[in-house]
């Protein structure tokens, strides 16, 4: 039996006769009128097809599939997709199909050419067009003054928390900021009227009682214990409050009290999006059932998205209020609410949002030339103020590679080959060459001792040492060949940062030279930075680099895959400040 015969059989049709095997008539039906002549009383009847009771379009589809059997699988797929399309936006089946389809059709990332060279189509004015929702808590309220100091001149900001009151900023101007209790506001919603006995509500009441009694020790302990649970109760009421307060804003930014936004980069970025379209932007995390923007990296919603959530779909908003009593993460709760109204996170630009502080931001090979929009994990007020000092006066979009320049750290891979032709022994003239910098070295004898103890055995000849500054010892290549690759090493520094599953660790590596070779070998093509621990013999190679800081507690040597970093930097397009 052929496949065509099988398909015809599914619809009650006989097989198509083959020319080599003509059909043989049944003995009783070879001459049906013969039976009548013999007086048997048997009369042949024509069998009715069940297809006559089907709608005409479906019958036509069946006839088409019978004549084009290869289209049958396509027909099944189309029916499946059409069926999935009528499912709710938050259906697991629909979300799974959307997730896999996006992975199939999305190849790589969009180019940053539009950020660098195209003039923004939509003008963005911070004071007029942007509303910032700053989220804090009783236990972290000390961060808020530092946040305002670091982002001076940011326009309209509303502070939401799990307590209410006023806060003096302490910036010398005597400014007072009102803090709105969004948990209380959310619990006043009638939809939660019968659920005020929920355990999460009880925790909030305990914190409120401690704050009202001015018991700082108890309130601080309770906030530390379950403040993260109350955080989920702030998201939906906070955004609803912000929209009611600023119904005409083009953009709404939701940030934590330890999040810093790079204004120049964000402004340039938003200038390429129409606020009257539904945009939900941020750093994508989570599985396919609820891909959500990481709250610490900042969440951006357009006017159209906020209007659809707050004003046009009250039913979806009520559902989110109910879920806020049990949801672990408020940023995921927000994503679920948006999914119910058909708004999904735009993951094409997730890599521009950063969840790390500047010196620990992972500069990967695929984003060196990209603008960076945010920094996170700045829990100490002095850390936030330090970031503000470095970025407050920046007038152009900040790119990942700009972090070296902003923090005044020389980029070791930016070496001028002409320096190798010079024979001067002055380390200052060799600053751009291969070097190892040792700090807190008081005398020349100490510098020589460090050179002999740490590096002479592993690096071999061709190295020299000098003291360009009173407390600095520099060990550098005395005469590298012009065509050679220059290796920039730094002692007591770490360009890899915290080790995770993306970092490969080699054990029992004898020297920094061997560790560098592990990074540059072809077996690990994505390696950008390496760090060697002389005390343990471990060599960490990573697909990123960080600006880093001095490491005094551990004996480390760190460096780069110079050739790869230079190649990536050469591929960076040039930013046109005029946008065209």
Protein backbone atom coordinates (compact mmCIF):
# COMPACT_ATOMS: atom_id res chain seq x y z
CA UNK A 1 0.00 0.00 0.00
CA UNK A 2 1.32 3.42 -0.94
CA UNK A 3 1.16 6.49 1.30
CA UNK A 4 -1.47 7.97 -1.04
CA UNK A 5 -3.64 4.86 -0.60
CA UNK A 6 -3.20 5.14 3.16
CA UNK A 7 -4.37 8.77 3.18
CA UNK A 8 -7.34 7.91 0.95
CA UNK A 9 -8.24 5.14 3.29
CA UNK A 10 -8.39 7.61 6.18
CA UNK A 11 -11.23 9.36 4.36
CA UNK A 12 -13.08 6.17 3.36
CA UNK A 13 -11.96 6.11 -0.29
CA UNK A 14 -10.74 3.02 -2.18
CA UNK A 15 -7.11 2.86 -3.39
CA UNK A 16 -6.20 4.29 -6.77
CA UNK A 17 -5.91 1.40 -9.26
CA UNK A 18 -2.53 0.67 -10.77
CA UNK A 19 -2.27 0.30 -14.58
CA UNK A 20 -0.46 -3.00 -14.19
CA UNK A 21 -3.08 -4.38 -11.79
CA UNK A 22 -6.58 -3.29 -12.96
CA UNK A 23 -9.34 -3.73 -10.39
CA UNK A 24 -11.28 -7.00 -10.55
CA UNK A 25 -15.08 -6.67 -10.22
CA UNK A 26 -16.81 -8.47 -7.39
CA UNK A 27 -18.81 -11.46 -8.62
CA UNK A 28 -22.07 -10.02 -7.32
CA UNK A 29 -21.42 -6.55 -8.72
CA UNK A 30 -19.96 -7.49 -12.13
CA UNK A 31 -23.46 -7.31 -13.58
CA UNK A 32 -25.82 -6.08 -10.87
CA UNK A 33 -28.83 -6.20 -13.19
CA UNK A 34 -28.35 -9.92 -13.65
CA UNK A 35 -29.54 -10.47 -10.10
CA UNK A 36 -32.70 -8.52 -10.84
CA UNK A 37 -33.30 -10.64 -13.89
CA UNK A 38 -33.02 -13.78 -11.74
CA UNK A 39 -35.65 -12.36 -9.40
CA UNK A 40 -33.42 -12.12 -6.34
CA UNK A 41 -34.86 -8.74 -5.40
CA UNK A 42 -31.40 -7.25 -4.70
CA UNK A 43 -30.99 -3.64 -5.84
CA UNK A 44 -27.53 -1.93 -5.81
CA UNK A 45 -27.31 1.25 -3.78
CA UNK A 46 -24.75 3.98 -4.06
CA UNK A 47 -22.82 4.47 -0.80
CA UNK A 48 -23.12 7.95 0.59
CA UNK A 49 -19.88 9.68 1.55
CA UNK A 50 -19.68 11.14 5.02
CA UNK A 51 -17.89 14.15 3.55
CA UNK A 52 -21.16 15.56 2.23
CA UNK A 53 -22.03 16.60 5.79
CA UNK A 54 -18.78 18.61 6.17
CA UNK A 55 -18.52 22.33 5.36
CA UNK A 56 -17.54 23.02 1.77
CA UNK A 57 -14.14 24.68 2.63
CA UNK A 58 -13.18 21.61 4.64
CA UNK A 59 -14.22 19.29 1.81
CA UNK A 60 -12.07 21.29 -0.57
CA UNK A 61 -9.16 21.03 1.84
CA UNK A 62 -9.62 17.25 2.00
CA UNK A 63 -9.65 16.95 -1.80
CA UNK A 64 -6.51 19.09 -1.98
CA UNK A 65 -4.72 16.94 0.59
CA UNK A 66 -5.74 13.78 -1.24
CA UNK A 67 -4.17 15.06 -4.44
CA UNK A 68 -1.14 16.61 -2.67
CA UNK A 69 -0.28 14.22 0.13
CA UNK A 70 3.03 15.95 0.86
CA UNK A 71 1.05 18.95 2.10
CA UNK A 72 -0.57 16.92 4.85
CA UNK A 73 2.21 17.51 7.46
CA UNK A 74 2.15 21.22 6.64
CA UNK A 75 -1.62 21.23 7.07
CA UNK A 76 -1.26 19.67 10.52
CA UNK A 77 1.37 22.23 11.56
CA UNK A 78 -0.74 25.15 10.37
CA UNK A 79 -3.77 23.84 12.26
CA UNK A 80 -1.62 23.43 15.36
CA UNK A 81 -0.27 26.98 15.14
CA UNK A 82 -3.72 28.44 14.52
CA UNK A 83 -5.01 26.56 17.53
CA UNK A 84 -2.15 27.88 19.65
CA UNK A 85 -2.80 31.43 18.43
CA UNK A 86 -6.24 31.49 20.03
CA UNK A 87 -4.87 30.37 23.40
CA UNK A 88 -4.40 32.96 26.18
CA UNK A 89 -1.18 34.99 26.04
CA UNK A 90 0.12 33.30 29.19
CA UNK A 91 -0.66 29.74 28.04
CA UNK A 92 2.33 27.44 28.58
CA UNK A 93 1.91 25.98 25.10
CA UNK A 94 1.85 29.40 23.48
CA UNK A 95 4.83 30.62 25.51
CA UNK A 96 6.81 27.50 24.61
CA UNK A 97 6.10 27.91 20.90
CA UNK A 98 7.02 31.57 21.03
CA UNK A 99 10.26 30.84 22.90
CA UNK A 100 11.42 28.20 20.42
CA UNK A 101 10.36 30.27 17.41
CA UNK A 102 12.35 33.26 18.65
CA UNK A 103 15.42 31.09 19.16
CA UNK A 104 15.01 29.68 15.65
CA UNK A 105 14.63 32.95 13.76
CA UNK A 106 16.92 35.15 15.88
CA UNK A 107 20.51 34.86 14.69
CA UNK A 108 22.98 36.98 16.61
CA UNK A 109 22.15 40.47 17.84
CA UNK A 110 21.08 43.66 16.14
CA UNK A 111 23.95 45.92 15.14
CA UNK A 112 24.71 49.01 17.19
CA UNK A 113 25.10 51.07 14.04
CA UNK A 114 21.73 52.69 14.72
CA UNK A 115 22.92 53.81 18.17
CA UNK A 116 26.25 55.06 16.89
CA UNK A 117 25.46 56.77 13.63
CA UNK A 118 21.73 57.18 13.11
CA UNK A 119 20.05 60.28 14.43
CA UNK A 120 17.42 59.36 17.09
CA UNK A 121 13.96 59.60 15.59
CA UNK A 122 12.18 60.34 18.87
CA UNK A 123 13.42 63.14 21.06
CA UNK A 124 13.75 62.32 24.76
CA UNK A 125 13.81 65.04 27.41
CA UNK A 126 14.45 63.72 30.92
CA UNK A 127 12.41 66.27 32.80
CA UNK A 128 9.42 66.13 30.47
CA UNK A 129 9.36 62.59 29.05
CA UNK A 130 10.82 60.26 31.70
CA UNK A 131 9.38 59.22 35.06
CA UNK A 132 11.63 57.27 37.43
CA UNK A 133 10.21 54.91 40.06
CA UNK A 134 12.90 54.35 42.72
CA UNK A 135 12.22 51.23 44.76
CA UNK A 136 13.65 50.92 48.27
CA UNK A 137 12.81 49.34 51.64
CA UNK A 138 13.07 50.16 55.30
CA UNK A 139 16.28 48.16 55.63
CA UNK A 140 17.95 49.83 52.63
CA UNK A 141 16.60 53.37 52.96
CA UNK A 142 20.11 54.63 53.74
CA UNK A 143 21.00 54.18 50.05
CA UNK A 144 18.44 56.69 48.81
CA UNK A 145 20.33 59.95 49.62
CA UNK A 146 23.43 58.60 47.86
CA UNK A 147 21.31 57.63 44.84
CA UNK A 148 19.95 61.17 44.50
CA UNK A 149 23.45 62.63 44.90
CA UNK A 150 24.83 60.40 42.14
CA UNK A 151 22.12 61.27 39.59
CA UNK A 152 21.68 64.99 40.05
CA UNK A 153 19.29 66.65 37.62
CA UNK A 154 17.32 63.54 36.70
CA UNK A 155 13.91 65.17 36.74
CA UNK A 156 10.85 63.59 38.30
CA UNK A 157 11.40 60.68 40.68
CA UNK A 158 8.93 58.92 43.00
CA UNK A 159 10.24 56.79 45.87
CA UNK A 160 8.23 53.68 46.78
CA UNK A 161 8.88 51.41 49.75
CA UNK A 162 7.33 49.15 52.41
CA UNK A 163 6.99 52.10 54.81
CA UNK A 164 5.94 55.74 54.47
CA UNK A 165 7.44 59.03 55.56
CA UNK A 166 9.86 61.74 54.54
CA UNK A 167 13.61 61.70 54.03
CA UNK A 168 16.15 64.53 54.12
CA UNK A 169 18.68 63.97 51.37
CA UNK A 170 21.61 65.62 53.07
CA UNK A 171 23.05 67.03 49.86
CA UNK A 172 23.48 70.46 51.38
CA UNK A 173 20.28 71.81 49.87
CA UNK A 174 17.98 70.58 52.59
CA UNK A 175 15.79 68.77 50.08
CA UNK A 176 13.08 66.51 51.49
CA UNK A 177 11.79 63.51 49.54
CA UNK A 178 8.49 61.83 50.30
CA UNK A 179 8.53 58.04 50.57
CA UNK A 180 5.27 56.31 49.57
CA UNK A 181 4.20 53.08 51.24
CA UNK A 182 3.15 51.01 48.25
CA UNK A 183 2.47 47.87 50.29
CA UNK A 184 -0.22 49.69 52.23
CA UNK A 185 -1.63 51.12 49.03
CA UNK A 186 -1.78 47.67 47.44
CA UNK A 187 -3.52 46.11 50.44
CA UNK A 188 -6.22 48.78 50.21
CA UNK A 189 -7.29 47.33 46.87
CA UNK A 190 -10.75 45.72 47.29
CA UNK A 191 -9.61 42.61 45.44
CA UNK A 192 -7.47 41.73 48.51
CA UNK A 193 -10.21 42.46 51.03
CA UNK A 194 -10.77 38.83 51.99
CA UNK A 195 -7.06 37.92 52.07
CA UNK A 196 -5.75 40.26 54.75
CA UNK A 197 -5.02 37.26 56.95
CA UNK A 198 -2.33 36.05 54.56
CA UNK A 199 1.04 35.37 56.19
CA UNK A 200 2.78 37.94 54.01
CA UNK A 201 0.33 40.59 55.17
CA UNK A 202 1.10 39.58 58.76
CA UNK A 203 4.81 40.14 58.16
CA UNK A 204 4.11 43.60 56.81
CA UNK A 205 2.01 44.44 59.89
CA UNK A 206 4.86 43.34 62.18
CA UNK A 207 7.29 45.62 60.32
CA UNK A 208 4.81 48.52 60.39
CA UNK A 209 4.34 48.11 64.14
CA UNK A 210 8.10 48.13 64.76
CA UNK A 211 8.57 51.24 62.59
CA UNK A 212 5.68 52.96 64.37
CA UNK A 213 7.22 52.15 67.75
CA UNK A 214 10.55 53.56 66.51
CA UNK A 215 12.29 50.33 67.43
CA UNK A 216 15.15 50.61 64.94
CA UNK A 217 16.81 47.37 65.97
CA UNK A 218 13.64 45.29 65.62
CA UNK A 219 12.51 46.99 62.41
CA UNK A 220 15.95 46.57 60.84
CA UNK A 221 16.03 42.89 61.77
CA UNK A 222 12.55 42.25 60.37
CA UNK A 223 13.40 44.07 57.15
CA UNK A 224 16.52 41.98 56.76
CA UNK A 225 14.55 38.80 57.46
CA UNK A 226 11.63 39.20 55.06
CA UNK A 227 11.99 42.57 53.33
CA UNK A 228 12.59 40.76 50.03
CA UNK A 229 9.13 39.15 50.34
CA UNK A 230 7.45 42.53 50.77
CA UNK A 231 9.28 43.73 47.67
CA UNK A 232 6.87 41.79 45.45
CA UNK A 233 3.97 43.79 46.92
CA UNK A 234 5.43 47.09 45.68
CA UNK A 235 5.73 46.52 41.93
CA UNK A 236 2.15 46.66 40.66
CA UNK A 237 0.87 49.37 43.06
CA UNK A 238 4.04 51.39 42.43
CA UNK A 239 3.65 51.38 38.65
CA UNK A 240 -0.06 52.06 38.91
CA UNK A 241 0.67 55.03 41.18
CA UNK A 242 3.33 56.34 38.79
CA UNK A 243 0.98 56.16 35.81
CA UNK A 244 -1.78 57.97 37.70
CA UNK A 245 0.71 60.62 38.74
CA UNK A 246 2.35 61.00 35.30
CA UNK A 247 -0.20 59.80 32.70
CA UNK A 248 1.58 61.60 29.84
CA UNK A 249 5.16 60.42 30.34
CA UNK A 250 6.71 58.71 27.33
CA UNK A 251 8.90 56.37 29.38
CA UNK A 252 8.72 54.85 32.86
CA UNK A 253 11.91 53.55 34.48
CA UNK A 254 11.78 51.19 37.45
CA UNK A 255 15.10 51.01 39.34
CA UNK A 256 16.41 49.71 42.66
CA UNK A 257 18.17 51.89 45.21
CA UNK A 258 21.49 50.22 44.29
CA UNK A 259 21.06 50.69 40.52
CA UNK A 260 22.78 53.44 38.54
CA UNK A 261 21.54 54.41 35.08
CA UNK A 262 23.93 55.96 32.56
CA UNK A 263 21.78 58.88 31.41
CA UNK A 264 23.59 59.60 28.15
CA UNK A 265 23.38 55.97 27.02
CA UNK A 266 19.75 55.49 28.06
CA UNK A 267 18.68 58.72 26.38
CA UNK A 268 20.36 57.77 23.10
CA UNK A 269 18.92 54.27 23.33
CA UNK A 270 15.31 55.34 23.94
CA UNK A 271 15.50 57.90 21.15
CA UNK A 272 15.23 55.03 18.65
CA UNK A 273 11.95 53.63 20.04
CA UNK A 274 8.42 54.90 19.54
CA UNK A 275 6.83 55.35 22.99
CA UNK A 276 3.39 54.83 21.44
CA UNK A 277 4.35 51.22 20.74
CA UNK A 278 4.34 48.63 23.52
CA UNK A 279 7.95 48.27 24.67
CA UNK A 280 9.12 46.23 27.65
CA UNK A 281 12.92 46.41 27.92
CA UNK A 282 15.50 45.04 30.34
CA UNK A 283 18.02 42.32 31.13
CA UNK A 284 16.32 38.99 30.31
CA UNK A 285 16.30 36.22 32.94
CA UNK A 286 14.01 33.28 33.75
CA UNK A 287 12.67 30.32 31.76
CA UNK A 288 10.30 30.36 28.78
CA UNK A 289 7.18 30.43 30.96
CA UNK A 290 7.97 33.92 32.22
CA UNK A 291 10.99 35.65 30.69
CA UNK A 292 11.30 38.82 32.73
CA UNK A 293 13.50 41.88 33.01
CA UNK A 294 15.86 41.70 35.98
CA UNK A 295 14.77 44.48 38.31
CA UNK A 296 18.26 45.28 39.54
CA UNK A 297 19.45 46.02 36.00
CA UNK A 298 16.51 48.45 35.49
CA UNK A 299 13.15 47.93 33.79
CA UNK A 300 11.88 50.27 31.05
CA UNK A 301 8.24 50.53 29.95
CA UNK A 302 6.86 52.74 27.21
CA UNK A 303 3.75 54.90 27.47
CA UNK A 304 1.76 52.40 25.39
CA UNK A 305 2.84 49.46 27.56
CA UNK A 306 1.91 51.25 30.80
CA UNK A 307 -1.42 52.33 29.37
CA UNK A 308 -2.24 48.77 28.28
CA UNK A 309 -1.36 47.39 31.72
CA UNK A 310 -2.84 50.00 34.05
CA UNK A 311 -5.71 51.57 32.13
CA UNK A 312 -6.93 49.19 29.45
CA UNK A 313 -6.77 45.81 31.23
CA UNK A 314 -8.05 46.11 34.81
CA UNK A 315 -8.76 42.36 34.96
CA UNK A 316 -5.11 41.49 34.38
CA UNK A 317 -4.10 44.04 37.01
CA UNK A 318 -6.44 42.49 39.59
CA UNK A 319 -4.98 39.06 38.93
CA UNK A 320 -1.50 40.47 39.59
CA UNK A 321 -2.63 41.91 42.92
CA UNK A 322 -3.79 38.45 43.97
CA UNK A 323 -0.55 36.80 42.83
CA UNK A 324 1.58 39.37 44.66
CA UNK A 325 0.79 37.63 47.96
CA UNK A 326 2.65 34.48 46.90
CA UNK A 327 5.04 35.51 44.11
CA UNK A 328 8.69 35.33 45.11
CA UNK A 329 10.06 37.98 42.73
CA UNK A 330 8.30 41.21 41.94
CA UNK A 331 10.02 41.62 38.57
CA UNK A 332 8.65 38.24 37.48
CA UNK A 333 5.20 39.26 38.75
CA UNK A 334 5.39 42.33 36.50
CA UNK A 335 6.37 40.19 33.50
CA UNK A 336 3.40 37.87 34.05
CA UNK A 337 1.05 40.85 34.21
CA UNK A 338 2.43 42.20 30.94
CA UNK A 339 2.25 38.80 29.24
CA UNK A 340 -1.47 38.60 30.05
CA UNK A 341 -2.04 41.73 27.98
CA UNK A 342 0.15 40.50 25.13
CA UNK A 343 3.37 42.39 25.96
CA UNK A 344 6.55 40.32 25.98
CA UNK A 345 10.08 41.28 26.95
CA UNK A 346 12.14 42.46 23.98
CA UNK A 347 15.30 40.40 24.47
CA UNK A 348 17.21 41.79 21.49
CA UNK A 349 18.77 44.50 23.66
CA UNK A 350 19.05 42.64 26.96
CA UNK A 351 22.86 42.65 26.77
CA UNK A 352 22.92 46.45 27.11
CA UNK A 353 21.55 46.22 30.67
CA UNK A 354 24.18 45.35 33.24
CA UNK A 355 23.73 43.80 36.67
CA UNK A 356 27.25 44.42 37.99
CA UNK A 357 29.20 47.38 39.40
CA UNK A 358 31.53 49.16 36.92
CA UNK A 359 34.83 47.62 37.98
CA UNK A 360 33.34 44.10 37.95
CA UNK A 361 31.28 44.48 34.78
CA UNK A 362 32.08 41.59 32.45
CA UNK A 363 33.26 43.00 29.13
CA UNK A 364 32.63 40.17 26.69
CA UNK A 365 33.81 39.92 23.13
CA UNK A 366 30.31 40.36 21.71
CA UNK A 367 29.60 43.67 23.47
CA UNK A 368 32.84 45.64 23.64
CA UNK A 369 31.51 48.14 21.11
CA UNK A 370 28.01 48.29 22.64
CA UNK A 371 26.58 51.05 24.83
CA UNK A 372 26.12 50.19 28.50
CA UNK A 373 22.91 51.39 30.15
CA UNK A 374 23.10 50.47 33.82
CA UNK A 375 25.13 49.26 36.79
CA UNK A 376 23.89 47.28 39.76
CA UNK A 377 25.05 45.85 43.10
CA UNK A 378 26.11 49.18 44.62
CA UNK A 379 24.86 48.50 48.17
CA UNK A 380 27.15 50.90 50.01
CA UNK A 381 26.40 54.65 49.72
CA UNK A 382 30.06 55.40 49.05
CA UNK A 383 30.03 52.99 46.10
CA UNK A 384 27.03 54.77 44.58
CA UNK A 385 28.63 58.19 45.11
CA UNK A 386 31.87 56.97 43.52
CA UNK A 387 30.00 55.82 40.41
CA UNK A 388 28.20 59.15 40.28
CA UNK A 389 31.50 61.02 40.43
CA UNK A 390 32.86 59.07 37.48
CA UNK A 391 29.77 59.25 35.24
CA UNK A 392 27.98 62.44 36.19
CA UNK A 393 29.85 64.65 33.73
CA UNK A 394 29.83 62.21 30.81
CA UNK A 395 28.26 63.87 27.77
CA UNK A 396 28.20 60.99 25.26
CA UNK A 397 26.94 57.39 25.36
CA UNK A 398 29.21 55.12 27.38
CA UNK A 399 30.44 51.90 25.79
CA UNK A 400 31.77 48.87 27.60
CA UNK A 401 35.36 49.55 26.57
CA UNK A 402 35.05 53.12 27.89
CA UNK A 403 35.15 51.80 31.46
CA UNK A 404 38.94 51.66 31.28
CA UNK A 405 39.18 55.32 30.33
CA UNK A 406 36.52 56.51 32.80
CA UNK A 407 38.27 54.82 35.71
CA UNK A 408 41.69 56.01 34.62
CA UNK A 409 43.11 52.53 34.19
CA UNK A 410 45.50 52.21 31.21
CA UNK A 411 44.36 49.58 28.73
CA UNK A 412 47.41 47.29 28.49
CA UNK A 413 46.49 45.96 25.03
CA UNK A 414 46.72 49.44 23.47
CA UNK A 415 50.43 49.11 22.79
CA UNK A 416 52.21 51.18 20.19
CA UNK A 417 54.62 48.95 18.17
CA UNK A 418 56.94 51.94 17.73
CA UNK A 419 57.77 51.66 21.42
CA UNK A 420 59.71 48.48 20.75
CA UNK A 421 62.19 50.40 18.63
CA UNK A 422 63.24 52.59 21.53
CA UNK A 423 66.23 51.59 23.61
CA UNK A 424 65.63 53.87 26.55
CA UNK A 425 65.60 52.15 29.93
CA UNK A 426 63.18 54.66 31.40
CA UNK A 427 59.98 52.72 32.35
CA UNK A 428 57.90 55.85 31.81
CA UNK A 429 58.73 55.73 28.11
CA UNK A 430 57.76 52.07 28.08
CA UNK A 431 54.38 52.57 29.74
CA UNK A 432 52.51 51.27 26.71
CA UNK A 433 54.74 48.20 26.44
CA UNK A 434 54.48 44.86 28.18
CA UNK A 435 54.78 45.48 31.90
CA UNK A 436 54.01 44.19 35.37
CA UNK A 437 53.13 46.84 37.93
CA UNK A 438 53.90 46.27 41.63
CA UNK A 439 52.53 48.76 44.11
CA UNK A 440 53.66 49.73 47.63
CA UNK A 441 57.30 48.93 46.83
CA UNK A 442 59.33 51.51 48.74
CA UNK A 443 62.92 50.99 47.58
CA UNK A 444 64.85 49.83 44.54
CA UNK A 445 66.18 46.86 46.52
CA UNK A 446 62.62 45.71 47.19
CA UNK A 447 61.78 46.09 43.50
CA UNK A 448 64.80 44.01 42.48
CA UNK A 449 63.96 41.39 45.11
CA UNK A 450 60.38 41.11 43.81
CA UNK A 451 61.67 40.81 40.26
CA UNK A 452 64.07 38.00 41.19
CA UNK A 453 61.63 36.17 43.49
CA UNK A 454 58.50 36.18 41.41
CA UNK A 455 59.30 36.45 37.73
CA UNK A 456 62.86 35.79 36.67
CA UNK A 457 62.52 32.01 36.85
CA UNK A 458 59.27 31.89 34.88
CA UNK A 459 59.66 34.67 32.35
CA UNK A 460 63.29 34.14 31.45
CA UNK A 461 65.60 36.78 30.03
CA UNK A 462 64.64 39.92 28.18
CA UNK A 463 62.99 41.58 31.20
CA UNK A 464 64.13 44.59 33.24
CA UNK A 465 62.88 46.54 36.23
CA UNK A 466 62.62 50.17 37.31
CA UNK A 467 60.91 52.59 39.72
CA UNK A 468 59.15 55.41 37.85
CA UNK A 469 57.36 56.52 41.05
CA UNK A 470 58.32 56.33 44.75
CA UNK A 471 55.93 53.47 45.61
CA UNK A 472 55.73 51.75 42.21
CA UNK A 473 57.95 49.03 40.77
CA UNK A 474 57.61 48.20 37.08
CA UNK A 475 58.96 45.05 35.46
CA UNK A 476 58.96 45.30 31.67
CA UNK A 477 60.34 43.70 28.56
CA UNK A 478 63.70 45.30 27.92
CA UNK A 479 63.80 44.68 24.15
CA UNK A 480 60.88 42.73 22.68
CA UNK A 481 61.13 42.06 18.95
CA UNK A 482 59.08 44.38 16.78
CA UNK A 483 56.89 41.67 15.29
CA UNK A 484 56.20 39.80 18.55
CA UNK A 485 53.00 39.73 20.58
CA UNK A 486 53.36 41.87 23.70
CA UNK A 487 52.08 40.35 26.91
CA UNK A 488 50.68 42.84 29.43
CA UNK A 489 50.73 41.40 32.94
CA UNK A 490 49.77 43.01 36.23
CA UNK A 491 50.71 41.70 39.65
CA UNK A 492 48.18 41.63 42.52
CA UNK A 493 45.37 42.40 40.10
CA UNK A 494 42.52 40.30 38.71
CA UNK A 495 41.07 40.87 35.22
CA UNK A 496 38.85 37.75 35.43
CA UNK A 497 36.83 38.48 38.56
CA UNK A 498 34.56 36.00 40.37
CA UNK A 499 34.85 32.49 38.99
CA UNK A 500 31.66 30.81 37.74
CA UNK A 501 30.69 28.05 35.32
CA UNK A 502 31.81 30.09 32.29
CA UNK A 503 35.39 30.31 33.61
CA UNK A 504 37.69 27.36 32.94
CA UNK A 505 40.22 26.58 35.66
CA UNK A 506 43.48 24.73 34.98
CA UNK A 507 45.18 23.09 37.96
CA UNK A 508 48.90 22.80 38.70
CA UNK A 509 50.05 25.54 36.31
CA UNK A 510 53.70 26.31 37.01
CA UNK A 511 53.96 29.98 35.99
CA UNK A 512 52.17 33.05 34.72
CA UNK A 513 53.71 32.43 31.31
CA UNK A 514 52.11 28.99 31.16
CA UNK A 515 48.76 30.44 32.22
CA UNK A 516 48.94 33.06 29.49
CA UNK A 517 49.60 30.31 26.94
CA UNK A 518 46.52 28.45 28.18
CA UNK A 519 44.46 31.53 27.30
CA UNK A 520 45.98 32.09 23.87
CA UNK A 521 45.96 28.48 22.68
CA UNK A 522 43.50 27.59 19.94
CA UNK A 523 41.61 25.11 22.12
CA UNK A 524 39.93 28.02 23.94
CA UNK A 525 39.19 30.53 21.21
CA UNK A 526 36.93 32.76 23.33
CA UNK A 527 39.45 33.50 26.06
CA UNK A 528 39.95 37.20 26.72
CA UNK A 529 41.54 37.37 30.19
CA UNK A 530 43.48 35.09 32.49
CA UNK A 531 44.56 35.08 36.13
CA UNK A 532 47.25 32.91 37.70
CA UNK A 533 47.35 32.21 41.45
CA UNK A 534 50.95 31.52 42.39
CA UNK A 535 50.00 30.11 45.81
CA UNK A 536 47.65 27.43 44.43
CA UNK A 537 48.92 26.98 40.87
CA UNK A 538 45.43 27.60 39.49
CA UNK A 539 44.98 29.32 36.14
CA UNK A 540 41.57 30.85 35.40
CA UNK A 541 40.74 31.70 31.78
CA UNK A 542 37.52 33.56 30.98
CA UNK A 543 35.51 34.76 27.95
CA UNK A 544 35.42 38.29 29.41
CA UNK A 545 37.59 40.83 31.14
CA UNK A 546 36.90 43.32 33.92
CA UNK A 547 38.59 46.58 34.85
CA UNK A 548 39.25 45.05 38.24
CA UNK A 549 40.89 46.31 41.38
CA UNK A 550 44.06 45.66 43.29
CA UNK A 551 44.01 42.34 45.15
CA UNK A 552 46.13 42.55 48.28
CA UNK A 553 45.08 39.36 50.02
CA UNK A 554 46.05 36.94 47.27
CA UNK A 555 49.16 36.43 45.19
CA UNK A 556 47.80 36.86 41.66
CA UNK A 557 49.10 37.75 38.23
CA UNK A 558 46.59 38.65 35.54
CA UNK A 559 46.64 39.55 31.86
CA UNK A 560 44.83 39.44 28.52
CA UNK A 561 44.66 37.63 25.23
CA UNK A 562 46.16 40.72 23.63
CA UNK A 563 45.76 39.70 20.01
CA UNK A 564 42.05 38.89 20.42
CA UNK A 565 41.25 42.07 22.36
CA UNK A 566 42.99 44.27 19.79
CA UNK A 567 41.12 42.57 16.96
CA UNK A 568 37.78 43.13 18.69
CA UNK A 569 38.58 46.77 19.39
CA UNK A 570 39.54 47.42 15.77
CA UNK A 571 36.10 46.18 14.72
CA UNK A 572 34.31 48.79 16.83
CA UNK A 573 32.48 51.41 14.72
CA UNK A 574 33.10 55.09 15.34
CA UNK A 575 30.51 57.02 17.30
CA UNK A 576 29.09 60.08 15.57
CA UNK A 577 28.03 62.47 18.30
CA UNK A 578 25.69 64.35 15.97
CA UNK A 579 23.84 61.16 15.10
CA UNK A 580 24.26 61.39 11.37
